[in-house]
PDB file of N, CA and C in Angstrom:
ATOM      1  N   MET A   1      56.660 116.720  65.573  1.00  0.00           N
ATOM      2  CA  MET A   1      56.391 116.463  66.977  1.00  0.00           C
ATOM      3  C   MET A   1      57.682 116.667  67.765  1.00  0.00           C
ATOM      4  N   GLU A   2      57.576 117.258  68.919  1.00  0.00           N
ATOM      5  CA  GLU A   2      58.715 117.481  69.790  1.00  0.00           C
ATOM      6  C   GLU A   2      58.521 116.690  71.075  1.00  0.00           C
ATOM      7  N   THR A   3      59.611 116.487  71.787  1.00  0.00           N
ATOM      8  CA  THR A   3      59.592 115.706  73.020  1.00  0.00           C
ATOM      9  C   THR A   3      60.158 116.536  74.159  1.00  0.00           C
ATOM     10  N   ILE A   4      59.528 116.420  75.308  1.00  0.00           N
ATOM     11  CA  ILE A   4      60.025 117.063  76.530  1.00  0.00           C
ATOM     12  C   ILE A   4      60.319 115.960  77.534  1.00  0.00           C
ATOM     13  N   ILE A   5      61.493 116.033  78.137  1.00  0.00           N
ATOM     14  CA  ILE A   5      61.835 115.086  79.200  1.00  0.00           C
ATOM     15  C   ILE A   5      61.910 115.879  80.493  1.00  0.00           C
ATOM     16  N   ILE A   6      61.162 115.432  81.491  1.00  0.00           N
ATOM     17  CA  ILE A   6      61.114 116.107  82.784  1.00  0.00           C
ATOM     18  C   ILE A   6      61.516 115.111  83.857  1.00  0.00           C
ATOM     19  N   ASN A   7      62.513 115.471  84.646  1.00  0.00           N
ATOM     20  CA  ASN A   7      62.914 114.625  85.771  1.00  0.00           C
ATOM     21  C   ASN A   7      62.016 114.954  86.961  1.00  0.00           C
ATOM     22  N   ILE A   8      61.313 113.941  87.427  1.00  0.00           N
ATOM     23  CA  ILE A   8      60.351 114.130  88.511  1.00  0.00           C
ATOM     24  C   ILE A   8      60.908 113.519  89.792  1.00  0.00           C
ATOM     25  N   LYS A   9      60.739 114.245  90.883  1.00  0.00           N
ATOM     26  CA  LYS A   9      61.330 113.812  92.149  1.00  0.00           C
ATOM     27  C   LYS A   9      60.379 113.020  93.040  1.00  0.00           C
ATOM     28  N   THR A  10      59.093 113.279  92.926  1.00  0.00           N
ATOM     29  CA  THR A  10      58.164 112.620  93.847  1.00  0.00           C
ATOM     30  C   THR A  10      57.054 111.897  93.082  1.00  0.00           C
ATOM     31  N   GLN A  11      56.464 110.926  93.740  1.00  0.00           N
ATOM     32  CA  GLN A  11      55.342 110.178  93.179  1.00  0.00           C
ATOM     33  C   GLN A  11      54.161 111.122  92.918  1.00  0.00           C
ATOM     34  N   LYS A  12      53.977 112.081  93.808  1.00  0.00           N
ATOM     35  CA  LYS A  12      52.887 113.053  93.675  1.00  0.00           C
ATOM     36  C   LYS A  12      53.052 113.862  92.381  1.00  0.00           C
ATOM     37  N   ASP A  13      54.286 114.309  92.116  1.00  0.00           N
ATOM     38  CA  ASP A  13      54.543 115.075  90.898  1.00  0.00           C
ATOM     39  C   ASP A  13      54.352 114.208  89.653  1.00  0.00           C
ATOM     40  N   LYS A  14      54.751 112.938  89.737  1.00  0.00           N
ATOM     41  CA  LYS A  14      54.574 112.029  88.612  1.00  0.00           C
ATOM     42  C   LYS A  14      53.092 111.889  88.269  1.00  0.00           C
ATOM     43  N   LEU A  15      52.273 111.717  89.285  1.00  0.00           N
ATOM     44  CA  LEU A  15      50.834 111.606  89.061  1.00  0.00           C
ATOM     45  C   LEU A  15      50.256 112.894  88.484  1.00  0.00           C
ATOM     46  N   LEU A  16      50.730 114.029  88.964  1.00  0.00           N
ATOM     47  CA  LEU A  16      50.266 115.315  88.461  1.00  0.00           C
ATOM     48  C   LEU A  16      50.573 115.461  86.971  1.00  0.00           C
ATOM     49  N   PHE A  17      51.810 115.170  86.572  1.00  0.00           N
ATOM     50  CA  PHE A  17      52.197 115.331  85.175  1.00  0.00           C
ATOM     51  C   PHE A  17      51.507 114.322  84.269  1.00  0.00           C
ATOM     52  N   THR A  18      51.374 113.079  84.702  1.00  0.00           N
ATOM     53  CA  THR A  18      50.699 112.090  83.862  1.00  0.00           C
ATOM     54  C   THR A  18      49.206 112.421  83.730  1.00  0.00           C
ATOM     55  N   SER A  19      48.602 112.913  84.803  1.00  0.00           N
ATOM     56  CA  SER A  19      47.195 113.325  84.736  1.00  0.00           C
ATOM     57  C   SER A  19      47.014 114.497  83.781  1.00  0.00           C
ATOM     58  N   LEU A  20      47.924 115.449  83.856  1.00  0.00           N
ATOM     59  CA  LEU A  20      47.866 116.604  82.966  1.00  0.00           C
ATOM     60  C   LEU A  20      48.016 116.167  81.501  1.00  0.00           C
ATOM     61  N   ALA A  21      48.955 115.286  81.236  1.00  0.00           N
ATOM     62  CA  ALA A  21      49.161 114.788  79.871  1.00  0.00           C
ATOM     63  C   ALA A  21      47.903 114.091  79.367  1.00  0.00           C
ATOM     64  N   ASN A  22      47.301 113.268  80.205  1.00  0.00           N
ATOM     65  CA  ASN A  22      46.064 112.581  79.811  1.00  0.00           C
ATOM     66  C   ASN A  22      44.941 113.573  79.544  1.00  0.00           C
ATOM     67  N   ARG A  23      44.830 114.559  80.397  1.00  0.00           N
ATOM     68  CA  ARG A  23      43.763 115.553  80.246  1.00  0.00           C
ATOM     69  C   ARG A  23      43.918 116.351  78.959  1.00  0.00           C
ATOM     70  N   LEU A  24      45.181 116.607  78.574  1.00  0.00           N
ATOM     71  CA  LEU A  24      45.455 117.356  77.347  1.00  0.00           C
ATOM     72  C   LEU A  24      45.523 116.444  76.122  1.00  0.00           C
ATOM     73  N   LYS A  25      45.227 115.158  76.334  1.00  0.00           N
ATOM     74  CA  LYS A  25      45.254 114.153  75.269  1.00  0.00           C
ATOM     75  C   LYS A  25      46.630 114.057  74.613  1.00  0.00           C
ATOM     76  N   LEU A  26      47.673 114.093  75.464  1.00  0.00           N
ATOM     77  CA  LEU A  26      49.049 113.944  75.013  1.00  0.00           C
ATOM     78  C   LEU A  26      49.543 112.548  75.374  1.00  0.00           C
ATOM     79  N   LYS A  27      50.433 112.027  74.561  1.00  0.00           N
ATOM     80  CA  LYS A  27      51.038 110.739  74.893  1.00  0.00           C
ATOM     81  C   LYS A  27      52.112 110.970  75.936  1.00  0.00           C
ATOM     82  N   SER A  28      52.189 110.080  76.898  1.00  0.00           N
ATOM     83  CA  SER A  28      53.249 110.174  77.899  1.00  0.00           C
ATOM     84  C   SER A  28      53.786 108.776  78.168  1.00  0.00           C
ATOM     85  N   LYS A  29      55.029 108.718  78.575  1.00  0.00           N
ATOM     86  CA  LYS A  29      55.670 107.439  78.877  1.00  0.00           C
ATOM     87  C   LYS A  29      56.649 107.664  80.008  1.00  0.00           C
ATOM     88  N   ILE A  30      56.661 106.762  80.956  1.00  0.00           N
ATOM     89  CA  ILE A  30      57.617 106.819  82.051  1.00  0.00           C
ATOM     90  C   ILE A  30      58.794 105.940  81.655  1.00  0.00           C
ATOM     91  N   LEU A  31      59.986 106.539  81.622  1.00  0.00           N
ATOM     92  CA  LEU A  31      61.183 105.817  81.200  1.00  0.00           C
ATOM     93  C   LEU A  31      61.761 104.990  82.343  1.00  0.00           C
ATOM     94  N   SER A  32      62.138 103.766  82.013  1.00  0.00           N
ATOM     95  CA  SER A  32      62.804 102.906  82.996  1.00  0.00           C
ATOM     96  C   SER A  32      64.291 103.266  83.015  1.00  0.00           C
ATOM     97  N   GLU A  33      65.016 102.727  83.979  1.00  0.00           N
ATOM     98  CA  GLU A  33      66.461 102.943  84.034  1.00  0.00           C
ATOM     99  C   GLU A  33      67.117 102.425  82.760  1.00  0.00           C
ATOM    100  N   GLU A  34      66.627 101.293  82.255  1.00  0.00           N
ATOM    101  CA  GLU A  34      67.180 100.709  81.028  1.00  0.00           C
ATOM    102  C   GLU A  34      66.930 101.635  79.835  1.00  0.00           C
ATOM    103  N   ASP A  35      65.753 102.242  79.772  1.00  0.00           N
ATOM    104  CA  ASP A  35      65.453 103.199  78.705  1.00  0.00           C
ATOM    105  C   ASP A  35      66.429 104.367  78.746  1.00  0.00           C
ATOM    106  N   LYS A  36      66.704 104.872  79.951  1.00  0.00           N
ATOM    107  CA  LYS A  36      67.619 106.000  80.091  1.00  0.00           C
ATOM    108  C   LYS A  36      69.033 105.615  79.677  1.00  0.00           C
ATOM    109  N   GLU A  37      69.465 104.398  80.028  1.00  0.00           N
ATOM    110  CA  GLU A  37      70.791 103.926  79.624  1.00  0.00           C
ATOM    111  C   GLU A  37      70.869 103.792  78.109  1.00  0.00           C
ATOM    112  N   ASP A  38      69.808 103.254  77.497  1.00  0.00           N
ATOM    113  CA  ASP A  38      69.766 103.114  76.040  1.00  0.00           C
ATOM    114  C   ASP A  38      69.863 104.475  75.358  1.00  0.00           C
ATOM    115  N   PHE A  39      69.171 105.454  75.899  1.00  0.00           N
ATOM    116  CA  PHE A  39      69.211 106.802  75.344  1.00  0.00           C
ATOM    117  C   PHE A  39      70.628 107.368  75.431  1.00  0.00           C
ATOM    118  N   GLY A  40      71.287 107.173  76.569  1.00  0.00           N
ATOM    119  CA  GLY A  40      72.658 107.650  76.747  1.00  0.00           C
ATOM    120  C   GLY A  40      73.619 106.984  75.765  1.00  0.00           C
ATOM    121  N   LEU A  41      73.449 105.678  75.565  1.00  0.00           N
ATOM    122  CA  LEU A  41      74.292 104.946  74.626  1.00  0.00           C
ATOM    123  C   LEU A  41      74.061 105.450  73.196  1.00  0.00           C
ATOM    124  N   LEU A  42      72.820 105.630  72.823  1.00  0.00           N
ATOM    125  CA  LEU A  42      72.507 106.150  71.491  1.00  0.00           C
ATOM    126  C   LEU A  42      73.129 107.526  71.282  1.00  0.00           C
ATOM    127  N   LYS A  43      73.027 108.372  72.279  1.00  0.00           N
ATOM    128  CA  LYS A  43      73.599 109.714  72.185  1.00  0.00           C
ATOM    129  C   LYS A  43      75.107 109.646  71.972  1.00  0.00           C
ATOM    130  N   ALA A  44      75.787 108.777  72.724  1.00  0.00           N
ATOM    131  CA  ALA A  44      77.232 108.619  72.576  1.00  0.00           C
ATOM    132  C   ALA A  44      77.595 108.087  71.191  1.00  0.00           C
ATOM    133  N   MET A  45      76.799 107.141  70.684  1.00  0.00           N
ATOM    134  CA  MET A  45      77.053 106.582  69.362  1.00  0.00           C
ATOM    135  C   MET A  45      76.884 107.644  68.274  1.00  0.00           C
ATOM    136  N   LEU A  46      75.865 108.463  68.388  1.00  0.00           N
ATOM    137  CA  LEU A  46      75.631 109.512  67.393  1.00  0.00           C
ATOM    138  C   LEU A  46      76.734 110.566  67.431  1.00  0.00           C
ATOM    139  N   GLU A  47      77.213 110.901  68.621  1.00  0.00           N
ATOM    140  CA  GLU A  47      78.306 111.868  68.732  1.00  0.00           C
ATOM    141  C   GLU A  47      79.582 111.303  68.118  1.00  0.00           C
ATOM    142  N   ALA A  48      79.848 110.021  68.346  1.00  0.00           N
ATOM    143  CA  ALA A  48      81.043 109.387  67.782  1.00  0.00           C
ATOM    144  C   ALA A  48      80.942 109.319  66.262  1.00  0.00           C
ATOM    145  N   LYS A  49      79.754 109.114  65.749  1.00  0.00           N
ATOM    146  CA  LYS A  49      79.535 109.008  64.305  1.00  0.00           C
ATOM    147  C   LYS A  49      79.860 110.323  63.601  1.00  0.00           C
ATOM    148  N   GLU A  50      79.690 111.435  64.282  1.00  0.00           N
ATOM    149  CA  GLU A  50      79.938 112.749  63.686  1.00  0.00           C
ATOM    150  C   GLU A  50      81.421 113.077  63.589  1.00  0.00           C
ATOM    151  N   GLU A  51      82.258 112.349  64.318  1.00  0.00           N
ATOM    152  CA  GLU A  51      83.691 112.622  64.292  1.00  0.00           C
ATOM    153  C   GLU A  51      84.304 112.092  63.010  1.00  0.00           C
ATOM    154  N   ASP A  52      85.492 112.597  62.685  1.00  0.00           N
ATOM    155  CA  ASP A  52      86.176 112.176  61.464  1.00  0.00           C
ATOM    156  C   ASP A  52      86.569 110.708  61.531  1.00  0.00           C
ATOM    157  N   TYR A  53      86.595 110.080  60.376  1.00  0.00           N
ATOM    158  CA  TYR A  53      86.977 108.682  60.247  1.00  0.00           C
ATOM    159  C   TYR A  53      88.484 108.561  60.437  1.00  0.00           C
ATOM    160  N   VAL A  54      88.905 107.562  61.200  1.00  0.00           N
ATOM    161  CA  VAL A  54      90.320 107.276  61.396  1.00  0.00           C
ATOM    162  C   VAL A  54      90.563 105.873  60.867  1.00  0.00           C
ATOM    163  N   ASP A  55      91.517 105.760  59.931  1.00  0.00           N
ATOM    164  CA  ASP A  55      91.750 104.444  59.342  1.00  0.00           C
ATOM    165  C   ASP A  55      92.516 103.526  60.305  1.00  0.00           C
ATOM    166  N   ARG A  56      92.484 102.252  60.001  1.00  0.00           N
ATOM    167  CA  ARG A  56      93.070 101.216  60.865  1.00  0.00           C
ATOM    168  C   ARG A  56      94.565 101.438  61.070  1.00  0.00           C
ATOM    169  N   GLU A  57      95.283 101.807  60.002  1.00  0.00           N
ATOM    170  CA  GLU A  57      96.738 101.980  60.088  1.00  0.00           C
ATOM    171  C   GLU A  57      97.108 103.087  61.081  1.00  0.00           C
ATOM    172  N   THR A  58      96.368 104.168  61.079  1.00  0.00           N
ATOM    173  CA  THR A  58      96.630 105.264  62.021  1.00  0.00           C
ATOM    174  C   THR A  58      96.441 104.799  63.460  1.00  0.00           C
ATOM    175  N   ILE A  59      95.413 104.020  63.693  1.00  0.00           N
ATOM    176  CA  ILE A  59      95.169 103.491  65.042  1.00  0.00           C
ATOM    177  C   ILE A  59      96.286 102.554  65.457  1.00  0.00           C
ATOM    178  N   MET A  60      96.709 101.684  64.552  1.00  0.00           N
ATOM    179  CA  MET A  60      97.774 100.720  64.867  1.00  0.00           C
ATOM    180  C   MET A  60      99.090 101.439  65.165  1.00  0.00           C
ATOM    181  N   LYS A  61      99.412 102.487  64.405  1.00  0.00           N
ATOM    182  CA  LYS A  61     100.622 103.276  64.669  1.00  0.00           C
ATOM    183  C   LYS A  61     100.554 103.893  66.062  1.00  0.00           C
ATOM    184  N   SER A  62      99.417 104.390  66.414  1.00  0.00           N
ATOM    185  CA  SER A  62      99.207 105.002  67.731  1.00  0.00           C
ATOM    186  C   SER A  62      99.434 104.002  68.848  1.00  0.00           C
ATOM    187  N   LEU A  63      98.944 102.802  68.653  1.00  0.00           N
ATOM    188  CA  LEU A  63      99.049 101.757  69.673  1.00  0.00           C
ATOM    189  C   LEU A  63     100.483 101.261  69.845  1.00  0.00           C
ATOM    190  N   ARG A  64     101.278 101.328  68.793  1.00  0.00           N
ATOM    191  CA  ARG A  64     102.677 100.853  68.849  1.00  0.00           C
ATOM    192  C   ARG A  64     103.579 101.791  69.619  1.00  0.00           C
ATOM    193  N   LYS A  65     103.206 103.023  69.806  1.00  0.00           N
ATOM    194  CA  LYS A  65     104.063 104.022  70.493  1.00  0.00           C
ATOM    195  C   LYS A  65     104.235 103.713  71.936  1.00  0.00           C
TER     196      LYS A  65
END
């Protein structure tokens, strides 16, 4: 399953897209501001996870400079 995120500008467009999704028997969800913030935080966490591990001693040396 794939996901499409569409930024909608007007209430009319929101109704159009949700009606279309219902008609096509697709699941749809309107994201709250909190949902969008959570998504952004998750994305940042996943990007940080992909970076190389830095041990504590290296960080402490950096901070002492």
